[in-house]
C-alpha atoms as a PDB file:
ATOM      1  CA  MET A   1     132.916  50.216  83.362  1.00  0.00           C
ATOM      2  CA  SER A   2     135.786  48.224  85.092  1.00  0.00           C
ATOM      3  CA  ASP A   3     138.143  49.619  87.684  1.00  0.00           C
ATOM      4  CA  ARG A   4     140.997  49.409  85.243  1.00  0.00           C
ATOM      5  CA  ILE A   5     143.979  51.675  85.624  1.00  0.00           C
ATOM      6  CA  PRO A   6     143.133  54.822  83.531  1.00  0.00           C
ATOM      7  CA  LEU A   7     145.355  56.096  80.780  1.00  0.00           C
ATOM      8  CA  ILE A   8     146.772  59.506  81.409  1.00  0.00           C
ATOM      9  CA  ASP A   9     144.776  62.160  79.386  1.00  0.00           C
ATOM     10  CA  LYS A  10     147.062  65.083  78.880  1.00  0.00           C
ATOM     11  CA  LYS A  11     144.130  67.245  77.707  1.00  0.00           C
ATOM     12  CA  PHE A  12     141.976  66.339  80.747  1.00  0.00           C
ATOM     13  CA  ALA A  13     141.970  69.922  82.202  1.00  0.00           C
ATOM     14  CA  SER A  14     140.748  71.455  78.890  1.00  0.00           C
ATOM     15  CA  ARG A  15     138.148  68.816  78.222  1.00  0.00           C
ATOM     16  CA  VAL A  16     136.480  68.254  81.627  1.00  0.00           C
ATOM     17  CA  ASP A  17     133.535  70.164  82.908  1.00  0.00           C
ATOM     18  CA  TRP A  18     134.451  71.464  86.321  1.00  0.00           C
ATOM     19  CA  ASN A  19     130.866  71.363  87.455  1.00  0.00           C
ATOM     20  CA  LEU A  20     131.056  67.605  87.247  1.00  0.00           C
ATOM     21  CA  MET A  21     133.630  67.605  90.011  1.00  0.00           C
ATOM     22  CA  ARG A  22     131.443  69.681  92.249  1.00  0.00           C
ATOM     23  CA  THR A  23     128.475  67.315  91.577  1.00  0.00           C
ATOM     24  CA  PHE A  24     130.736  64.355  92.443  1.00  0.00           C
ATOM     25  CA  VAL A  25     131.553  65.988  95.855  1.00  0.00           C
ATOM     26  CA  ASP A  26     127.788  66.631  96.366  1.00  0.00           C
ATOM     27  CA  ILE A  27     127.080  62.935  95.698  1.00  0.00           C
ATOM     28  CA  VAL A  28     129.659  61.808  98.241  1.00  0.00           C
ATOM     29  CA  ARG A  29     128.675  64.322 100.897  1.00  0.00           C
ATOM     30  CA  ALA A  30     124.904  63.490 100.476  1.00  0.00           C
ATOM     31  CA  GLY A  31     125.632  59.802 100.687  1.00  0.00           C
ATOM     32  CA  GLY A  32     124.035  58.788  97.431  1.00  0.00           C
ATOM     33  CA  ILE A  33     122.837  59.933  93.977  1.00  0.00           C
ATOM     34  CA  GLY A  34     119.148  60.194  95.035  1.00  0.00           C
ATOM     35  CA  ALA A  35     120.095  62.078  98.213  1.00  0.00           C
ATOM     36  CA  ALA A  36     122.297  64.463  96.134  1.00  0.00           C
ATOM     37  CA  ALA A  37     119.423  65.083  93.707  1.00  0.00           C
ATOM     38  CA  ARG A  38     117.092  65.989  96.557  1.00  0.00           C
ATOM     39  CA  THR A  39     119.732  68.252  98.120  1.00  0.00           C
ATOM     40  CA  LEU A  40     120.450  70.058  94.830  1.00  0.00           C
ATOM     41  CA  ASN A  41     116.800  70.043  93.698  1.00  0.00           C
ATOM     42  CA  ARG A  42     117.717  68.329  90.472  1.00  0.00           C
ATOM     43  CA  GLN A  43     116.459  65.250  88.708  1.00  0.00           C
ATOM     44  CA  GLN A  44     118.238  61.967  89.667  1.00  0.00           C
ATOM     45  CA  PRO A  45     119.014  60.995  86.013  1.00  0.00           C
ATOM     46  CA  SER A  46     120.957  64.271  85.532  1.00  0.00           C
ATOM     47  CA  ILE A  47     123.076  63.506  88.660  1.00  0.00           C
ATOM     48  CA  SER A  48     123.789  59.966  87.422  1.00  0.00           C
ATOM     49  CA  ALA A  49     124.676  61.326  83.958  1.00  0.00           C
ATOM     50  CA  ALA A  50     127.105  63.848  85.517  1.00  0.00           C
ATOM     51  CA  LEU A  51     128.790  61.040  87.413  1.00  0.00           C
ATOM     52  CA  LYS A  52     129.044  58.847  84.389  1.00  0.00           C
ATOM     53  CA  ARG A  53     130.559  61.725  82.294  1.00  0.00           C
ATOM     54  CA  LEU A  54     133.260  62.371  84.952  1.00  0.00           C
ATOM     55  CA  GLU A  55     134.040  58.613  85.182  1.00  0.00           C
ATOM     56  CA  GLU A  56     134.487  58.662  81.302  1.00  0.00           C
ATOM     57  CA  HIS A  57     136.822  61.606  81.580  1.00  0.00           C
ATOM     58  CA  VAL A  58     139.045  59.862  84.213  1.00  0.00           C
ATOM     59  CA  GLY A  59     138.674  56.462  82.559  1.00  0.00           C
ATOM     60  CA  THR A  60     137.748  54.493  85.703  1.00  0.00           C
ATOM     61  CA  THR A  61     134.929  53.918  88.250  1.00  0.00           C
ATOM     62  CA  LEU A  62     134.731  56.437  90.977  1.00  0.00           C
ATOM     63  CA  LEU A  63     131.659  55.179  92.925  1.00  0.00           C
ATOM     64  CA  HIS A  64     129.901  51.875  93.456  1.00  0.00           C
ATOM     65  CA  ARG A  65     126.199  52.009  94.190  1.00  0.00           C
ATOM     66  CA  THR A  66     125.224  50.044  97.303  1.00  0.00           C
ATOM     67  CA  ALA A  67     122.092  49.204  99.215  1.00  0.00           C
ATOM     68  CA  THR A  68     122.625  52.182 101.476  1.00  0.00           C
ATOM     69  CA  GLY A  69     124.014  54.730  98.998  1.00  0.00           C
ATOM     70  CA  VAL A  70     127.435  54.794  97.338  1.00  0.00           C
ATOM     71  CA  GLU A  71     130.874  53.495  98.139  1.00  0.00           C
ATOM     72  CA  MET A  72     134.095  55.224  96.840  1.00  0.00           C
ATOM     73  CA  THR A  73     136.703  53.225  94.891  1.00  0.00           C
ATOM     74  CA  THR A  74     140.353  53.911  95.511  1.00  0.00           C
ATOM     75  CA  ALA A  75     140.218  56.282  92.447  1.00  0.00           C
ATOM     76  CA  GLY A  76     137.090  57.900  94.000  1.00  0.00           C
ATOM     77  CA  LYS A  77     138.853  58.586  97.243  1.00  0.00           C
ATOM     78  CA  ALA A  78     141.786  60.275  95.391  1.00  0.00           C
ATOM     79  CA  MET A  79     139.294  62.238  93.242  1.00  0.00           C
ATOM     80  CA  LEU A  80     137.414  63.489  96.415  1.00  0.00           C
ATOM     81  CA  ALA A  81     140.528  64.785  97.996  1.00  0.00           C
ATOM     82  CA  LEU A  82     141.537  66.626  94.790  1.00  0.00           C
ATOM     83  CA  CYS A  83     138.053  67.991  94.230  1.00  0.00           C
ATOM     84  CA  GLU A  84     137.687  69.290  97.753  1.00  0.00           C
ATOM     85  CA  ASP A  85     141.092  71.044  97.408  1.00  0.00           C
ATOM     86  CA  MET A  86     140.048  72.606  94.179  1.00  0.00           C
ATOM     87  CA  LEU A  87     136.599  73.785  95.616  1.00  0.00           C
ATOM     88  CA  GLU A  88     138.378  75.175  98.685  1.00  0.00           C
ATOM     89  CA  SER A  89     140.825  77.032  96.491  1.00  0.00           C
ATOM     90  CA  ALA A  90     137.942  78.541  94.458  1.00  0.00           C
ATOM     91  CA  ARG A  91     136.119  79.560  97.557  1.00  0.00           C
ATOM     92  CA  MET A  92     139.335  81.115  98.951  1.00  0.00           C
ATOM     93  CA  MET A  93     140.013  83.135  95.807  1.00  0.00           C
ATOM     94  CA  PRO A  94     138.336  86.380  96.651  1.00  0.00           C
ATOM     95  CA  HIS A  95     139.671  86.291 100.255  1.00  0.00           C
ATOM     96  CA  GLN A  96     143.198  85.695  99.003  1.00  0.00           C
ATOM     97  CA  ILE A  97     142.896  88.464  96.382  1.00  0.00           C
ATOM     98  CA  ALA A  98     141.702  90.839  99.082  1.00  0.00           C
ATOM     99  CA  GLN A  99     144.716  89.879 101.214  1.00  0.00           C
ATOM    100  CA  ALA A 100     147.115  90.395  98.357  1.00  0.00           C
ATOM    101  CA  THR A 101     145.793  93.887  97.741  1.00  0.00           C
ATOM    102  CA  LYS A 102     146.316  94.756 101.426  1.00  0.00           C
ATOM    103  CA  ARG A 103     142.698  95.669 101.929  1.00  0.00           C
ATOM    104  CA  VAL A 104     141.805  93.198 104.584  1.00  0.00           C
ATOM    105  CA  GLU A 105     140.430  94.656 107.875  1.00  0.00           C
ATOM    106  CA  GLY A 106     138.027  93.377 110.414  1.00  0.00           C
ATOM    107  CA  PHE A 107     137.795  91.084 113.432  1.00  0.00           C
ATOM    108  CA  VAL A 108     138.436  87.415 114.098  1.00  0.00           C
ATOM    109  CA  ARG A 109     136.700  86.373 117.399  1.00  0.00           C
ATOM    110  CA  ILE A 110     138.103  83.057 118.759  1.00  0.00           C
ATOM    111  CA  GLN A 111     136.869  81.106 121.796  1.00  0.00           C
ATOM    112  CA  ILE A 112     139.052  78.344 123.198  1.00  0.00           C
ATOM    113  CA  VAL A 113     139.250  75.931 126.138  1.00  0.00           C
ATOM    114  CA  SER A 114     141.648  76.898 128.932  1.00  0.00           C
ATOM    115  CA  GLY A 115     145.119  75.377 129.186  1.00  0.00           C
ATOM    116  CA  LEU A 116     145.354  74.894 125.388  1.00  0.00           C
ATOM    117  CA  VAL A 117     148.829  74.033 124.210  1.00  0.00           C
ATOM    118  CA  SER A 118     149.247  73.808 120.424  1.00  0.00           C
ATOM    119  CA  PRO A 119     152.338  74.979 118.564  1.00  0.00           C
ATOM    120  CA  GLU A 120     150.450  74.707 115.245  1.00  0.00           C
ATOM    121  CA  PHE A 121     147.655  76.992 116.519  1.00  0.00           C
ATOM    122  CA  ASP A 122     150.212  79.516 117.992  1.00  0.00           C
ATOM    123  CA  GLU A 123     152.173  79.582 114.753  1.00  0.00           C
ATOM    124  CA  ALA A 124     149.077  80.068 112.729  1.00  0.00           C
ATOM    125  CA  ILE A 125     148.173  83.184 114.927  1.00  0.00           C
ATOM    126  CA  ALA A 126     151.636  84.575 114.431  1.00  0.00           C
ATOM    127  CA  SER A 127     151.674  83.964 110.715  1.00  0.00           C
ATOM    128  CA  PHE A 128     148.141  85.344 110.254  1.00  0.00           C
ATOM    129  CA  HIS A 129     148.989  88.521 112.073  1.00  0.00           C
ATOM    130  CA  ARG A 130     152.181  89.075 110.005  1.00  0.00           C
ATOM    131  CA  ARG A 131     150.098  88.643 106.819  1.00  0.00           C
ATOM    132  CA  ASN A 132     147.079  90.666 108.104  1.00  0.00           C
ATOM    133  CA  PRO A 133     148.310  93.304 110.612  1.00  0.00           C
ATOM    134  CA  ASP A 134     145.124  95.304 110.334  1.00  0.00           C
ATOM    135  CA  ILE A 135     142.773  92.422 111.476  1.00  0.00           C
ATOM    136  CA  HIS A 136     141.976  92.552 115.184  1.00  0.00           C
ATOM    137  CA  ILE A 137     142.237  89.165 116.939  1.00  0.00           C
ATOM    138  CA  GLU A 138     140.122  88.551 119.986  1.00  0.00           C
ATOM    139  CA  ILE A 139     140.557  85.374 122.073  1.00  0.00           C
ATOM    140  CA  ARG A 140     138.153  84.314 124.824  1.00  0.00           C
ATOM    141  CA  VAL A 141     138.695  81.394 127.165  1.00  0.00           C
ATOM    142  CA  SER A 142     135.805  79.415 128.613  1.00  0.00           C
ATOM    143  CA  PRO A 143     134.664  75.811 129.498  1.00  0.00           C
ATOM    144  CA  TRP A 144     134.269  73.566 126.478  1.00  0.00           C
ATOM    145  CA  ARG A 145     130.464  73.521 126.373  1.00  0.00           C
ATOM    146  CA  GLN A 146     130.416  77.375 126.372  1.00  0.00           C
ATOM    147  CA  VAL A 147     132.794  77.348 123.310  1.00  0.00           C
ATOM    148  CA  LEU A 148     130.302  75.221 121.370  1.00  0.00           C
ATOM    149  CA  ASP A 149     127.274  77.381 122.471  1.00  0.00           C
ATOM    150  CA  ALA A 150     129.124  80.630 121.673  1.00  0.00           C
ATOM    151  CA  LEU A 151     129.793  79.309 118.098  1.00  0.00           C
ATOM    152  CA  GLU A 152     126.231  78.156 117.569  1.00  0.00           C
ATOM    153  CA  GLN A 153     124.844  81.493 118.771  1.00  0.00           C
ATOM    154  CA  GLY A 154     127.125  83.467 116.486  1.00  0.00           C
ATOM    155  CA  GLU A 155     129.049  85.135 119.380  1.00  0.00           C
ATOM    156  CA  VAL A 156     132.395  83.996 117.985  1.00  0.00           C
ATOM    157  CA  GLU A 157     133.536  82.788 114.492  1.00  0.00           C
ATOM    158  CA  ILE A 158     136.250  80.231 115.456  1.00  0.00           C
ATOM    159  CA  GLY A 159     136.480  77.784 118.293  1.00  0.00           C
ATOM    160  CA  VAL A 160     138.992  75.326 119.669  1.00  0.00           C
ATOM    161  CA  SER A 161     137.402  72.747 121.895  1.00  0.00           C
ATOM    162  CA  TYR A 162     136.653  69.200 122.853  1.00  0.00           C
ATOM    163  CA  ASP A 163     133.180  67.905 122.042  1.00  0.00           C
ATOM    164  CA  SER A 164     131.469  64.746 123.330  1.00  0.00           C
ATOM    165  CA  SER A 165     129.141  64.543 120.309  1.00  0.00           C
ATOM    166  CA  VAL A 166     128.677  66.109 116.911  1.00  0.00           C
ATOM    167  CA  ARG A 167     126.564  69.181 116.352  1.00  0.00           C
ATOM    168  CA  GLY A 168     125.168  69.424 112.897  1.00  0.00           C
ATOM    169  CA  SER A 169     125.573  73.244 112.848  1.00  0.00           C
ATOM    170  CA  LEU A 170     129.341  73.045 113.347  1.00  0.00           C
ATOM    171  CA  MET A 171     132.413  72.068 111.243  1.00  0.00           C
ATOM    172  CA  TYR A 172     135.013  69.893 112.923  1.00  0.00           C
ATOM    173  CA  GLU A 173     138.643  69.805 111.943  1.00  0.00           C
ATOM    174  CA  PRO A 174     140.840  67.693 114.254  1.00  0.00           C
ATOM    175  CA  LEU A 175     143.630  69.938 115.693  1.00  0.00           C
ATOM    176  CA  LEU A 176     145.415  67.686 118.143  1.00  0.00           C
ATOM    177  CA  VAL A 177     145.042  64.745 120.447  1.00  0.00           C
ATOM    178  CA  GLU A 178     145.124  65.860 123.991  1.00  0.00           C
ATOM    179  CA  ARG A 179     146.100  63.549 126.911  1.00  0.00           C
ATOM    180  CA  GLN A 180     145.527  64.001 130.592  1.00  0.00           C
ATOM    181  CA  GLN A 181     147.256  62.815 133.711  1.00  0.00           C
ATOM    182  CA  LEU A 182     146.406  62.697 137.360  1.00  0.00           C
ATOM    183  CA  TYR A 183     148.894  64.845 139.344  1.00  0.00           C
ATOM    184  CA  CYS A 184     149.954  65.407 142.911  1.00  0.00           C
ATOM    185  CA  SER A 185     152.342  67.921 144.491  1.00  0.00           C
ATOM    186  CA  ARG A 186     155.617  67.446 146.187  1.00  0.00           C
ATOM    187  CA  SER A 187     153.830  67.475 149.560  1.00  0.00           C
ATOM    188  CA  SER A 188     151.811  64.457 148.695  1.00  0.00           C
ATOM    189  CA  PRO A 189     152.854  60.999 150.111  1.00  0.00           C
ATOM    190  CA  TYR A 190     152.288  59.649 146.522  1.00  0.00           C
ATOM    191  CA  PHE A 191     154.999  61.914 145.060  1.00  0.00           C
ATOM    192  CA  GLY A 192     157.513  59.798 143.127  1.00  0.00           C
ATOM    193  CA  HIS A 193     155.132  56.739 142.946  1.00  0.00           C
ATOM    194  CA  ARG A 194     152.740  55.412 140.294  1.00  0.00           C
ATOM    195  CA  VAL A 195     149.342  54.011 141.111  1.00  0.00           C
ATOM    196  CA  SER A 196     147.879  50.932 139.359  1.00  0.00           C
ATOM    197  CA  ARG A 197     144.344  51.254 140.859  1.00  0.00           C
ATOM    198  CA  LEU A 198     142.666  54.632 140.825  1.00  0.00           C
ATOM    199  CA  SER A 199     140.247  53.493 143.455  1.00  0.00           C
ATOM    200  CA  ASP A 200     143.116  53.538 145.942  1.00  0.00           C
ATOM    201  CA  LEU A 201     142.960  57.289 145.763  1.00  0.00           C
ATOM    202  CA  LYS A 202     139.260  57.674 146.458  1.00  0.00           C
ATOM    203  CA  ASP A 203     139.868  59.234 149.941  1.00  0.00           C
ATOM    204  CA  GLU A 204     142.416  61.833 148.676  1.00  0.00           C
ATOM    205  CA  ARG A 205     141.538  65.539 148.646  1.00  0.00           C
ATOM    206  CA  PHE A 206     140.739  66.486 145.005  1.00  0.00           C
ATOM    207  CA  VAL A 207     140.852  69.585 142.896  1.00  0.00           C
ATOM    208  CA  LEU A 208     137.882  69.652 140.430  1.00  0.00           C
ATOM    209  CA  THR A 209     137.600  71.620 137.154  1.00  0.00           C
ATOM    210  CA  GLY A 210     133.852  72.028 137.131  1.00  0.00           C
ATOM    211  CA  GLU A 211     132.213  72.656 133.788  1.00  0.00           C
ATOM    212  CA  ASP A 212     135.642  72.592 132.137  1.00  0.00           C
ATOM    213  CA  GLU A 213     136.011  68.863 132.989  1.00  0.00           C
ATOM    214  CA  ILE A 214     136.073  66.608 129.877  1.00  0.00           C
ATOM    215  CA  GLU A 215     133.304  63.970 129.960  1.00  0.00           C
ATOM    216  CA  LEU A 216     135.824  61.187 129.544  1.00  0.00           C
ATOM    217  CA  ILE A 217     137.530  62.405 132.776  1.00  0.00           C
ATOM    218  CA  THR A 218     134.211  62.825 134.574  1.00  0.00           C
ATOM    219  CA  HIS A 219     133.246  59.168 133.813  1.00  0.00           C
ATOM    220  CA  LEU A 220     136.743  57.917 134.866  1.00  0.00           C
ATOM    221  CA  ARG A 221     136.724  59.904 138.069  1.00  0.00           C
ATOM    222  CA  ARG A 222     133.227  58.918 139.064  1.00  0.00           C
ATOM    223  CA  ARG A 223     133.827  55.267 138.297  1.00  0.00           C
ATOM    224  CA  ASN A 224     136.674  55.228 140.774  1.00  0.00           C
ATOM    225  CA  ARG A 225     135.033  57.589 143.302  1.00  0.00           C
ATOM    226  CA  LEU A 226     137.623  60.246 142.772  1.00  0.00           C
ATOM    227  CA  GLY A 227     136.678  63.735 143.926  1.00  0.00           C
ATOM    228  CA  THR A 228     134.322  62.729 146.735  1.00  0.00           C
ATOM    229  CA  ARG A 229     136.531  64.735 149.010  1.00  0.00           C
ATOM    230  CA  ALA A 230     136.636  67.980 146.870  1.00  0.00           C
ATOM    231  CA  SER A 231     139.031  70.478 148.333  1.00  0.00           C
ATOM    232  CA  GLY A 232     139.279  72.812 145.393  1.00  0.00           C
ATOM    233  CA  LEU A 233     137.379  73.997 142.299  1.00  0.00           C
ATOM    234  CA  ALA A 234     138.635  75.998 139.323  1.00  0.00           C
ATOM    235  CA  GLU A 235     136.973  76.454 135.983  1.00  0.00           C
ATOM    236  CA  ASP A 236     140.288  77.368 134.417  1.00  0.00           C
ATOM    237  CA  ILE A 237     142.997  74.685 133.871  1.00  0.00           C
ATOM    238  CA  ASN A 238     145.756  77.108 134.865  1.00  0.00           C
ATOM    239  CA  GLU A 239     144.097  77.894 138.187  1.00  0.00           C
ATOM    240  CA  ALA A 240     143.503  74.128 138.904  1.00  0.00           C
ATOM    241  CA  LYS A 241     147.158  73.535 138.121  1.00  0.00           C
ATOM    242  CA  ARG A 242     148.058  76.311 140.675  1.00  0.00           C
ATOM    243  CA  MET A 243     145.980  74.646 143.397  1.00  0.00           C
ATOM    244  CA  ILE A 244     147.339  71.132 142.653  1.00  0.00           C
ATOM    245  CA  THR A 245     150.891  72.440 142.724  1.00  0.00           C
ATOM    246  CA  LEU A 246     150.250  74.142 146.058  1.00  0.00           C
ATOM    247  CA  GLY A 247     149.052  70.861 147.597  1.00  0.00           C
ATOM    248  CA  VAL A 248     145.273  71.700 147.820  1.00  0.00           C
ATOM    249  CA  GLY A 249     144.558  68.307 146.329  1.00  0.00           C
ATOM    250  CA  ILE A 250     145.320  65.823 143.488  1.00  0.00           C
ATOM    251  CA  GLY A 251     143.664  66.455 140.137  1.00  0.00           C
ATOM    252  CA  PHE A 252     143.600  65.886 136.387  1.00  0.00           C
ATOM    253  CA  LEU A 253     145.404  68.171 134.024  1.00  0.00           C
ATOM    254  CA  PRO A 254     146.326  68.122 130.309  1.00  0.00           C
ATOM    255  CA  ILE A 255     149.782  66.780 130.003  1.00  0.00           C
ATOM    256  CA  LEU A 256     151.213  69.621 127.949  1.00  0.00           C
ATOM    257  CA  ALA A 257     149.765  72.224 130.258  1.00  0.00           C
ATOM    258  CA  ALA A 258     151.448  70.521 133.224  1.00  0.00           C
ATOM    259  CA  GLU A 259     154.839  69.636 131.735  1.00  0.00           C
ATOM    260  CA  GLY A 260     156.562  72.770 132.890  1.00  0.00           C
ATOM    261  CA  GLU A 261     155.678  72.130 136.601  1.00  0.00           C
ATOM    262  CA  VAL A 262     156.621  68.467 136.153  1.00  0.00           C
ATOM    263  CA  ALA A 263     160.057  69.483 134.768  1.00  0.00           C
ATOM    264  CA  LYS A 264     160.559  71.617 137.839  1.00  0.00           C
ATOM    265  CA  GLY A 265     159.748  68.811 140.133  1.00  0.00           C
ATOM    266  CA  ARG A 266     156.609  70.547 141.485  1.00  0.00           C
ATOM    267  CA  LEU A 267     154.085  68.125 140.087  1.00  0.00           C
ATOM    268  CA  TRP A 268     154.114  64.325 139.779  1.00  0.00           C
ATOM    269  CA  PRO A 269     152.142  62.176 137.273  1.00  0.00           C
ATOM    270  CA  LEU A 270     150.417  59.329 139.209  1.00  0.00           C
ATOM    271  CA  LEU A 271     149.225  57.228 136.258  1.00  0.00           C
ATOM    272  CA  HIS A 272     151.225  54.870 134.097  1.00  0.00           C
ATOM    273  CA  ALA A 273     151.544  56.332 130.565  1.00  0.00           C
ATOM    274  CA  ASP A 274     149.612  53.514 128.943  1.00  0.00           C
ATOM    275  CA  VAL A 275     146.386  54.414 130.796  1.00  0.00           C
ATOM    276  CA  GLU A 276     146.371  58.148 130.263  1.00  0.00           C
ATOM    277  CA  PRO A 277     142.958  59.295 128.995  1.00  0.00           C
ATOM    278  CA  SER A 278     143.133  60.961 125.508  1.00  0.00           C
ATOM    279  CA  TYR A 279     140.581  62.726 123.242  1.00  0.00           C
ATOM    280  CA  ASP A 280     140.452  64.994 120.234  1.00  0.00           C
ATOM    281  CA  ILE A 281     140.559  68.794 120.355  1.00  0.00           C
ATOM    282  CA  TYR A 282     138.953  70.379 117.286  1.00  0.00           C
ATOM    283  CA  LEU A 283     139.195  73.577 115.322  1.00  0.00           C
ATOM    284  CA  LEU A 284     135.518  74.611 114.970  1.00  0.00           C
ATOM    285  CA  ALA A 285     133.391  76.923 112.914  1.00  0.00           C
ATOM    286  CA  ARG A 286     129.749  77.168 111.835  1.00  0.00           C
ATOM    287  CA  THR A 287     128.830  75.212 108.779  1.00  0.00           C
ATOM    288  CA  ASP A 288     127.556  78.462 107.124  1.00  0.00           C
ATOM    289  CA  PRO A 289     130.031  78.922 104.274  1.00  0.00           C
ATOM    290  CA  ALA A 290     129.434  82.741 104.050  1.00  0.00           C
ATOM    291  CA  ARG A 291     132.275  83.690 106.288  1.00  0.00           C
ATOM    292  CA  ASP A 292     133.783  87.159 106.213  1.00  0.00           C
ATOM    293  CA  THR A 293     137.280  87.439 104.700  1.00  0.00           C
ATOM    294  CA  ALA A 294     139.055  87.874 107.987  1.00  0.00           C
ATOM    295  CA  THR A 295     137.553  84.711 109.447  1.00  0.00           C
ATOM    296  CA  GLN A 296     138.090  82.696 106.303  1.00  0.00           C
ATOM    297  CA  LEU A 297     141.769  83.680 106.100  1.00  0.00           C
ATOM    298  CA  PHE A 298     142.365  82.713 109.748  1.00  0.00           C
ATOM    299  CA  TRP A 299     140.568  79.360 109.232  1.00  0.00           C
ATOM    300  CA  ASP A 300     142.629  78.680 106.115  1.00  0.00           C
ATOM    301  CA  GLU A 301     145.892  79.518 107.930  1.00  0.00           C
ATOM    302  CA  VAL A 302     145.207  77.025 110.724  1.00  0.00           C
ATOM    303  CA  PHE A 303     143.838  74.383 108.346  1.00  0.00           C
ATOM    304  CA  ARG A 304     146.872  74.524 106.024  1.00  0.00           C
ATOM    305  CA  ARG A 305     149.225  74.044 108.988  1.00  0.00           C
ATOM    306  CA  VAL A 306     147.322  71.128 110.508  1.00  0.00           C
ATOM    307  CA  ARG A 307     147.076  69.455 107.063  1.00  0.00           C
ATOM    308  CA  ALA A 308     150.799  69.894 106.434  1.00  0.00           C
ATOM    309  CA  LEU A 309     151.592  68.342 109.787  1.00  0.00           C
ATOM    310  CA  ARG A 310     149.500  65.298 108.877  1.00  0.00           C
ATOM    311  CA  ARG A 311     151.225  64.835 105.613  1.00  0.00           C
ATOM    312  CA  ALA A 312     154.677  65.194 107.172  1.00  0.00           C
END
């Protein structure tokens, strides 16, 4: 079958077997037809036949077989996005029906890193509460590794955190890109100046953030011998900001968490903007799809807002 532009089939929806779309997603997620057959405990020829029937329905090739598995065509990428949306809608149906009948109660337990600034996340909480006033929202704050551990151990249902690797037991949805800066207070001789070499600050008193420190920042700091004269320690970003503002020492902070004090002239960013460290902050949940309705509705609320922001 060639990768020709398919003709529009106006009766596609009535003719296609929706299970073919689910199988297509399973093939892509597994990384190949054989892998999907093993995952689904089905015979490989039946998986291949399902893919062929779907391609016949849409009139074009969706996947090319490769030495390592499969590779999506342009049409395949479009099909995957549509199929995932449909599967998500189907999975959300009982939760949305429960919400529509005003019968949703329960708890949503969320664990986040300190100093988080995300208008999308805040708006999702506000919208979620308006739609579901009987659901109790609990938010805990902890260092980023504890967020991941709490999710894996089932202590909370939703997390917002950085992660230096990927844990197979968790789902990762990018929420925002966070940037950090190195700040000093008005009492510092560096206030009003930028530094080109971080190593010039190796003898400065430093406020550390302990277990809450992002690994990217840890490597950067140690490489330039920053923090060898530790004069303060706070596991919470807001308390670290307090000490830096009071002149206890210089230290790294997320830019959005510090912008209020910068605007007031109480903190000064020492790094040039083009060298600010940046990293992803994720919306996290366990991969177990059997979430309760309250948790699923909250995940969907944040997910829809993040996706809409990306498409804007």
